[in-house]
Amino acid sequence: MAIIKGIQAGITGTGKYIPERIMTNADFEKITDTTDAWITERTGIKERHFAAADENCCDMAAKAGLAALADAGLSPDDTDAVILSTNSPDSIIPCSAAKVQGMIGASGAGAFDVISGCTGSLTAMLAAISGVSCGLWKNALVIGAEKFHDIIDWDDRSTSVLFGDGAGACVISRSEEGKGRFVSGRIEADGEKHGLITAGLGGKEDKLDMKGQDVFRFVNSKLPPFVEDFCRDSGTAPRDIDFWVIHQANMRITESLFKRLDIPLDRTLPNLDRYGNTSSASLLINLEEAMTAGRVRPGEKTAFVAFGAGMTLGALLYAA
């Protein structure tokens, strides 16, 4: 079952950090065989941001995390857990979440990383929801952060134009009666397709490699039925969801999903054109902007949907 039971868990704060340096499609035209028209038509991306040379993944994560805590009216000491989703960590040992915990002064909080492709932040949210719902934590800080600049293969024009850096965060806390709460959640993986998106450690293998057409076909075939099944098991239907927070990977994927599910495209708030694919930061950056724009409204249902390397899929239902 997809239904979440126990203590109600809700979103009490959101935050983001976007690095200043911008790289437009015109900039890519100068370094690789591509055009603004080609990139825009196939992805919907116009520009993306990259971290400064002396700015790492944990720096961005800490800034987004502090912004989310401030939005929730909490101090770092109020945090019981710091969960960081990233596919570009500063180090494997120690985990980046522990470094962020120390940077923001969340003394006493537990900390761990989640590496699950672009679905990672949704997986981290589900872990936070579980910890709050079972009574283990009162407040969990979830962060998605990426510094993809260093792992992009700049010689690969098909993938280098897709990604950007940034961080998003949210605080998940015990929810008072009548306030917003998570209703259901689900994650799945098709590990037989693990080779479609890869990045290793050391040498050439540390660069991101993606079989783009295969990924596109996988997502378009697997994501719609996954979302339909999730909604059905959650006691609702896609057409009854008021707003969708979607992983920002490719506008063609989002448009295809909404067409398949017969959902108006104005029920989401795309920002892919400004940031590119920020991987595990994407969903939480999108959430922060949706909350700021007042799109997650009391009395309405919001769905979260993500997909990524692994190949992984995830969904959450939130009743605001």
Protein backbone atom coordinates (compact mmCIF):
# COMPACT_ATOMS: atom_id res chain seq x y z
CA MET A 1 0.00 0.00 0.00
CA ALA A 2 1.08 3.56 -0.69
CA ILE A 3 -0.78 5.15 2.25
CA ILE A 4 1.33 6.81 4.96
CA LYS A 5 0.19 6.07 8.50
CA GLY A 6 1.18 7.27 11.96
CA ILE A 7 1.89 10.86 13.02
CA GLN A 8 1.00 13.34 10.30
CA ALA A 9 4.02 14.85 8.53
CA GLY A 10 3.92 18.08 6.56
CA ILE A 11 6.08 20.71 4.86
CA THR A 12 6.88 23.60 7.21
CA GLY A 13 9.56 25.40 5.22
CA THR A 14 11.34 25.51 1.86
CA GLY A 15 14.52 27.07 0.53
CA LYS A 16 16.86 27.12 -2.45
CA TYR A 17 20.26 28.31 -3.54
CA ILE A 18 21.08 29.08 -7.17
CA PRO A 19 24.72 29.93 -8.02
CA GLU A 20 25.35 33.20 -9.83
CA ARG A 21 27.27 32.00 -12.88
CA ILE A 22 24.96 31.53 -15.90
CA MET A 23 25.71 29.58 -19.06
CA THR A 24 23.26 30.17 -21.89
CA ASN A 25 22.62 28.14 -25.01
CA ALA A 26 24.52 30.83 -26.91
CA ASP A 27 27.54 30.10 -24.72
CA PHE A 28 27.34 26.43 -25.70
CA GLU A 29 27.26 27.40 -29.36
CA LYS A 30 30.79 28.74 -28.89
CA ILE A 31 32.27 25.53 -27.47
CA THR A 32 30.41 22.66 -29.13
CA ASP A 33 28.51 21.77 -32.30
CA THR A 34 25.03 22.82 -31.22
CA THR A 35 22.54 25.67 -31.51
CA ASP A 36 20.09 27.45 -29.25
CA ALA A 37 17.24 26.21 -31.48
CA TRP A 38 18.41 22.58 -31.24
CA ILE A 39 18.67 22.66 -27.44
CA THR A 40 15.40 24.53 -26.93
CA GLU A 41 13.38 22.31 -29.25
CA ARG A 42 14.61 19.05 -27.73
CA THR A 43 14.74 20.00 -24.06
CA GLY A 44 13.12 23.37 -23.31
CA ILE A 45 16.34 24.60 -21.67
CA LYS A 46 17.57 28.16 -22.33
CA GLU A 47 20.17 28.59 -19.59
CA ARG A 48 21.64 26.89 -16.53
CA HIS A 49 23.68 27.99 -13.50
CA PHE A 50 27.06 26.65 -12.39
CA ALA A 51 28.83 26.92 -9.07
CA ALA A 52 31.95 29.03 -8.69
CA ALA A 53 35.29 27.21 -8.74
CA ASP A 54 35.63 27.53 -4.94
CA GLU A 55 31.99 26.59 -4.27
CA ASN A 56 31.22 22.93 -3.62
CA CYS A 57 28.11 20.82 -3.23
CA CYS A 58 28.03 21.18 0.56
CA ASP A 59 28.33 24.97 0.35
CA MET A 60 25.20 25.14 -1.80
CA ALA A 61 23.38 22.56 0.34
CA ALA A 62 24.07 24.49 3.53
CA LYS A 63 22.71 27.74 2.06
CA ALA A 64 19.52 26.07 0.85
CA GLY A 65 19.11 24.24 4.14
CA LEU A 66 19.46 27.39 6.24
CA ALA A 67 16.92 29.14 4.00
CA ALA A 68 14.41 26.32 4.54
CA LEU A 69 14.91 26.37 8.32
CA ALA A 70 14.43 30.14 8.38
CA ASP A 71 11.25 29.77 6.33
CA ALA A 72 10.00 27.21 8.86
CA GLY A 73 10.84 29.51 11.78
CA LEU A 74 13.29 26.96 13.16
CA SER A 75 16.92 27.13 14.21
CA PRO A 76 19.49 24.50 13.23
CA ASP A 77 19.32 23.16 16.80
CA ASP A 78 15.65 22.27 16.20
CA THR A 79 16.72 19.79 13.51
CA ASP A 80 16.65 16.08 14.33
CA ALA A 81 18.00 14.83 11.00
CA VAL A 82 19.83 16.24 7.98
CA ILE A 83 19.24 14.15 4.85
CA LEU A 84 21.17 15.19 1.76
CA SER A 85 20.38 13.85 -1.67
CA THR A 86 23.21 14.29 -4.15
CA ASN A 87 24.85 12.49 -7.05
CA SER A 88 27.89 14.77 -6.94
CA PRO A 89 29.04 14.63 -3.30
CA ASP A 90 32.14 16.40 -2.06
CA SER A 91 33.35 13.03 -0.79
CA ILE A 92 32.19 9.48 -0.27
CA ILE A 93 33.73 9.38 3.20
CA PRO A 94 32.58 11.32 5.13
CA CYS A 95 29.03 11.67 3.89
CA SER A 96 28.20 15.16 2.69
CA ALA A 97 25.17 15.39 4.99
CA ALA A 98 27.44 15.19 8.03
CA LYS A 99 29.55 18.04 6.65
CA VAL A 100 26.43 20.13 6.08
CA GLN A 101 25.16 19.31 9.56
CA GLY A 102 28.36 20.75 10.97
CA MET A 103 28.37 23.76 8.64
CA ILE A 104 24.88 24.88 9.65
CA GLY A 105 25.31 24.07 13.35
CA ALA A 106 22.62 21.42 13.65
CA SER A 107 24.37 19.92 16.67
CA GLY A 108 23.03 16.53 17.71
CA ALA A 109 21.11 15.90 14.47
CA GLY A 110 21.62 12.66 12.61
CA ALA A 111 22.92 12.90 9.06
CA PHE A 112 23.08 10.68 5.99
CA ASP A 113 23.27 10.90 2.20
CA VAL A 114 20.88 9.51 -0.39
CA ILE A 115 22.22 8.65 -3.85
CA SER A 116 19.34 7.65 -6.11
CA GLY A 117 19.72 9.62 -9.32
CA CYS A 118 17.27 12.45 -9.91
CA THR A 119 14.73 10.60 -7.74
CA GLY A 120 17.04 11.07 -4.74
CA SER A 121 15.38 14.10 -3.18
CA LEU A 122 11.96 12.44 -3.32
CA THR A 123 13.48 9.33 -1.73
CA ALA A 124 15.05 11.54 0.95
CA MET A 125 11.67 13.18 1.56
CA LEU A 126 10.08 9.76 1.98
CA ALA A 127 12.79 8.84 4.52
CA ALA A 128 12.10 12.06 6.41
CA ILE A 129 8.34 11.45 6.33
CA SER A 130 8.88 7.96 7.69
CA GLY A 131 11.07 9.23 10.53
CA VAL A 132 8.53 11.88 11.51
CA SER A 133 5.50 9.61 11.11
CA CYS A 134 6.91 6.88 13.36
CA GLY A 135 7.77 9.40 16.08
CA LEU A 136 11.55 9.21 15.67
CA TRP A 137 11.95 12.89 14.67
CA LYS A 138 10.04 16.16 15.06
CA ASN A 139 11.83 18.08 12.31
CA ALA A 140 13.87 16.67 9.44
CA LEU A 141 15.80 18.84 7.00
CA VAL A 142 15.86 17.44 3.46
CA ILE A 143 18.27 18.91 0.94
CA GLY A 144 18.98 18.15 -2.71
CA ALA A 145 22.21 19.63 -4.05
CA GLU A 146 24.36 19.10 -7.13
CA LYS A 147 27.63 20.38 -8.53
CA PHE A 148 27.45 18.71 -11.93
CA HIS A 149 29.92 21.09 -13.55
CA ASP A 150 32.83 18.85 -12.54
CA ILE A 151 31.35 15.55 -13.76
CA ILE A 152 29.86 16.73 -17.06
CA ASP A 153 31.61 15.40 -20.15
CA TRP A 154 32.05 18.70 -21.96
CA ASP A 155 32.94 16.86 -25.18
CA ASP A 156 29.52 15.20 -25.26
CA ARG A 157 27.14 17.73 -26.80
CA SER A 158 24.10 15.53 -26.17
CA THR A 159 24.47 15.62 -22.35
CA SER A 160 26.64 18.64 -21.52
CA VAL A 161 23.83 21.06 -22.42
CA LEU A 162 21.32 19.40 -20.10
CA PHE A 163 22.62 19.89 -16.58
CA GLY A 164 23.15 22.69 -14.08
CA ASP A 165 24.11 23.24 -10.45
CA GLY A 166 22.02 24.32 -7.49
CA ALA A 167 20.35 23.26 -4.27
CA GLY A 168 16.83 23.04 -2.88
CA ALA A 169 15.58 22.13 0.58
CA CYS A 170 12.50 21.56 2.67
CA VAL A 171 11.71 20.97 6.32
CA ILE A 172 9.36 18.09 7.11
CA SER A 173 7.82 18.27 10.57
CA ARG A 174 5.00 16.90 12.65
CA SER A 175 1.85 18.43 11.26
CA GLU A 176 -0.96 19.86 13.36
CA GLU A 177 -4.51 18.69 12.76
CA GLY A 178 -5.97 20.45 9.77
CA LYS A 179 -2.60 21.43 8.35
CA GLY A 180 -0.87 20.05 5.27
CA ARG A 181 0.22 16.41 5.39
CA PHE A 182 1.69 13.71 3.20
CA VAL A 183 -0.92 11.12 2.28
CA SER A 184 1.02 8.48 0.36
CA GLY A 185 4.33 7.67 -1.27
CA ARG A 186 6.03 5.12 -3.48
CA ILE A 187 9.45 4.47 -4.94
CA GLU A 188 10.41 1.83 -7.50
CA ALA A 189 13.50 0.84 -9.45
CA ASP A 190 14.31 -1.18 -12.55
CA GLY A 191 17.89 -2.17 -11.78
CA GLU A 192 18.24 -4.08 -15.01
CA LYS A 193 18.40 -0.66 -16.67
CA HIS A 194 21.10 0.65 -14.32
CA GLY A 195 23.52 1.26 -17.21
CA LEU A 196 21.42 3.95 -18.91
CA ILE A 197 22.84 6.77 -16.77
CA THR A 198 26.21 6.30 -15.08
CA ALA A 199 29.06 8.18 -13.42
CA GLY A 200 31.88 6.34 -11.69
CA LEU A 201 34.92 7.14 -9.59
CA GLY A 202 38.27 7.92 -11.16
CA GLY A 203 39.53 8.47 -14.69
CA LYS A 204 37.19 8.74 -17.65
CA GLU A 205 34.48 6.83 -15.77
CA ASP A 206 33.93 9.69 -13.35
CA LYS A 207 32.21 11.66 -16.12
CA LEU A 208 28.48 11.46 -16.60
CA ASP A 209 27.37 9.14 -19.39
CA MET A 210 23.74 8.95 -20.49
CA LYS A 211 22.09 6.95 -23.23
CA GLY A 212 19.62 9.71 -23.94
CA GLN A 213 17.25 8.02 -26.37
CA ASP A 214 16.99 4.92 -24.17
CA VAL A 215 16.30 7.07 -21.11
CA PHE A 216 13.64 9.00 -23.01
CA ARG A 217 11.92 5.78 -24.10
CA PHE A 218 12.11 4.27 -20.60
CA VAL A 219 10.57 7.31 -18.91
CA ASN A 220 7.82 7.74 -21.50
CA SER A 221 6.82 4.10 -21.26
CA LYS A 222 7.18 3.54 -17.50
CA LEU A 223 6.29 6.85 -15.86
CA PRO A 224 2.64 7.29 -16.95
CA PRO A 225 1.45 3.86 -15.71
CA PHE A 226 3.51 4.28 -12.53
CA VAL A 227 1.75 7.57 -11.80
CA GLU A 228 -1.66 6.16 -12.69
CA ASP A 229 -1.16 3.17 -10.37
CA PHE A 230 0.12 5.41 -7.59
CA CYS A 231 -2.89 7.72 -7.80
CA ARG A 232 -5.31 4.79 -7.86
CA ASP A 233 -3.70 3.21 -4.79
CA SER A 234 -3.81 6.61 -3.09
CA GLY A 235 -7.58 6.84 -3.60
CA THR A 236 -7.51 9.54 -6.25
CA ALA A 237 -7.00 10.07 -9.99
CA PRO A 238 -4.46 12.16 -11.92
CA ARG A 239 -7.18 14.58 -13.08
CA ASP A 240 -8.11 15.26 -9.43
CA ILE A 241 -4.61 16.45 -8.49
CA ASP A 242 -4.58 20.26 -8.30
CA PHE A 243 -0.85 20.83 -8.71
CA TRP A 244 2.21 18.80 -9.74
CA VAL A 245 5.80 19.26 -8.57
CA ILE A 246 7.76 17.51 -11.32
CA HIS A 247 11.45 16.69 -11.67
CA GLN A 248 12.73 19.12 -14.30
CA ALA A 249 14.55 16.98 -16.87
CA ASN A 250 12.99 17.63 -20.27
CA MET A 251 9.87 19.57 -21.21
CA ARG A 252 9.01 16.97 -23.83
CA ILE A 253 8.80 14.36 -21.07
CA THR A 254 6.58 16.58 -18.91
CA GLU A 255 4.30 17.43 -21.83
CA SER A 256 4.04 13.76 -22.85
CA LEU A 257 3.18 12.70 -19.29
CA PHE A 258 0.48 15.34 -18.90
CA LYS A 259 -1.01 14.54 -22.29
CA ARG A 260 -1.11 10.83 -21.46
CA LEU A 261 -2.79 11.51 -18.10
CA ASP A 262 -5.11 14.18 -19.55
CA ILE A 263 -3.81 16.88 -17.19
CA PRO A 264 -3.69 20.58 -18.17
CA LEU A 265 -0.08 21.76 -18.39
CA ASP A 266 -0.92 24.81 -16.26
CA ARG A 267 -1.14 22.53 -13.22
CA THR A 268 2.64 22.59 -12.94
CA LEU A 269 5.26 25.34 -12.80
CA PRO A 270 8.17 24.54 -15.15
CA ASN A 271 11.53 26.18 -14.45
CA LEU A 272 13.69 23.96 -16.65
CA ASP A 273 14.28 26.83 -19.06
CA ARG A 274 16.18 28.78 -16.37
CA TYR A 275 18.08 26.03 -14.54
CA GLY A 276 18.41 22.99 -16.78
CA ASN A 277 18.37 19.58 -15.08
CA THR A 278 19.71 20.04 -11.55
CA SER A 279 19.20 16.33 -10.82
CA SER A 280 18.38 15.69 -7.16
CA ALA A 281 18.10 19.43 -6.49
CA SER A 282 15.45 19.82 -9.18
CA LEU A 283 12.34 18.69 -7.29
CA LEU A 284 13.09 20.79 -4.22
CA ILE A 285 13.95 23.92 -6.21
CA ASN A 286 10.64 23.45 -8.04
CA LEU A 287 8.84 22.99 -4.72
CA GLU A 288 10.33 26.19 -3.28
CA GLU A 289 9.26 28.22 -6.30
CA ALA A 290 5.78 26.67 -6.26
CA MET A 291 5.36 27.49 -2.56
CA THR A 292 6.61 31.05 -3.12
CA ALA A 293 4.18 31.46 -6.02
CA GLY A 294 1.29 30.23 -3.87
CA ARG A 295 0.61 27.18 -6.04
CA VAL A 296 0.49 24.69 -3.14
CA ARG A 297 -2.83 25.80 -1.68
CA PRO A 298 -4.79 24.81 1.43
CA GLY A 299 -7.50 22.29 0.68
CA GLU A 300 -5.84 21.11 -2.54
CA LYS A 301 -3.86 18.03 -3.53
CA THR A 302 -0.27 18.25 -4.71
CA ALA A 303 1.62 15.37 -6.32
CA PHE A 304 5.41 15.03 -6.48
CA VAL A 305 6.89 12.96 -9.31
CA ALA A 306 10.54 12.14 -10.04
CA PHE A 307 12.57 9.74 -12.16
CA GLY A 308 16.26 9.16 -12.65
CA ALA A 309 19.31 6.93 -12.85
CA GLY A 310 18.96 3.43 -11.60
CA MET A 311 16.41 3.51 -13.23
CA THR A 312 14.32 4.90 -10.39
CA LEU A 313 10.78 6.29 -10.10
CA GLY A 314 9.05 8.02 -7.22
CA ALA A 315 5.82 9.76 -6.25
CA LEU A 316 4.33 11.49 -3.22
CA LEU A 317 0.82 12.84 -2.57
CA TYR A 318 0.39 15.87 -0.34
CA ALA A 319 -2.88 17.30 0.99
CA ALA A 320 -2.23 20.98 1.78
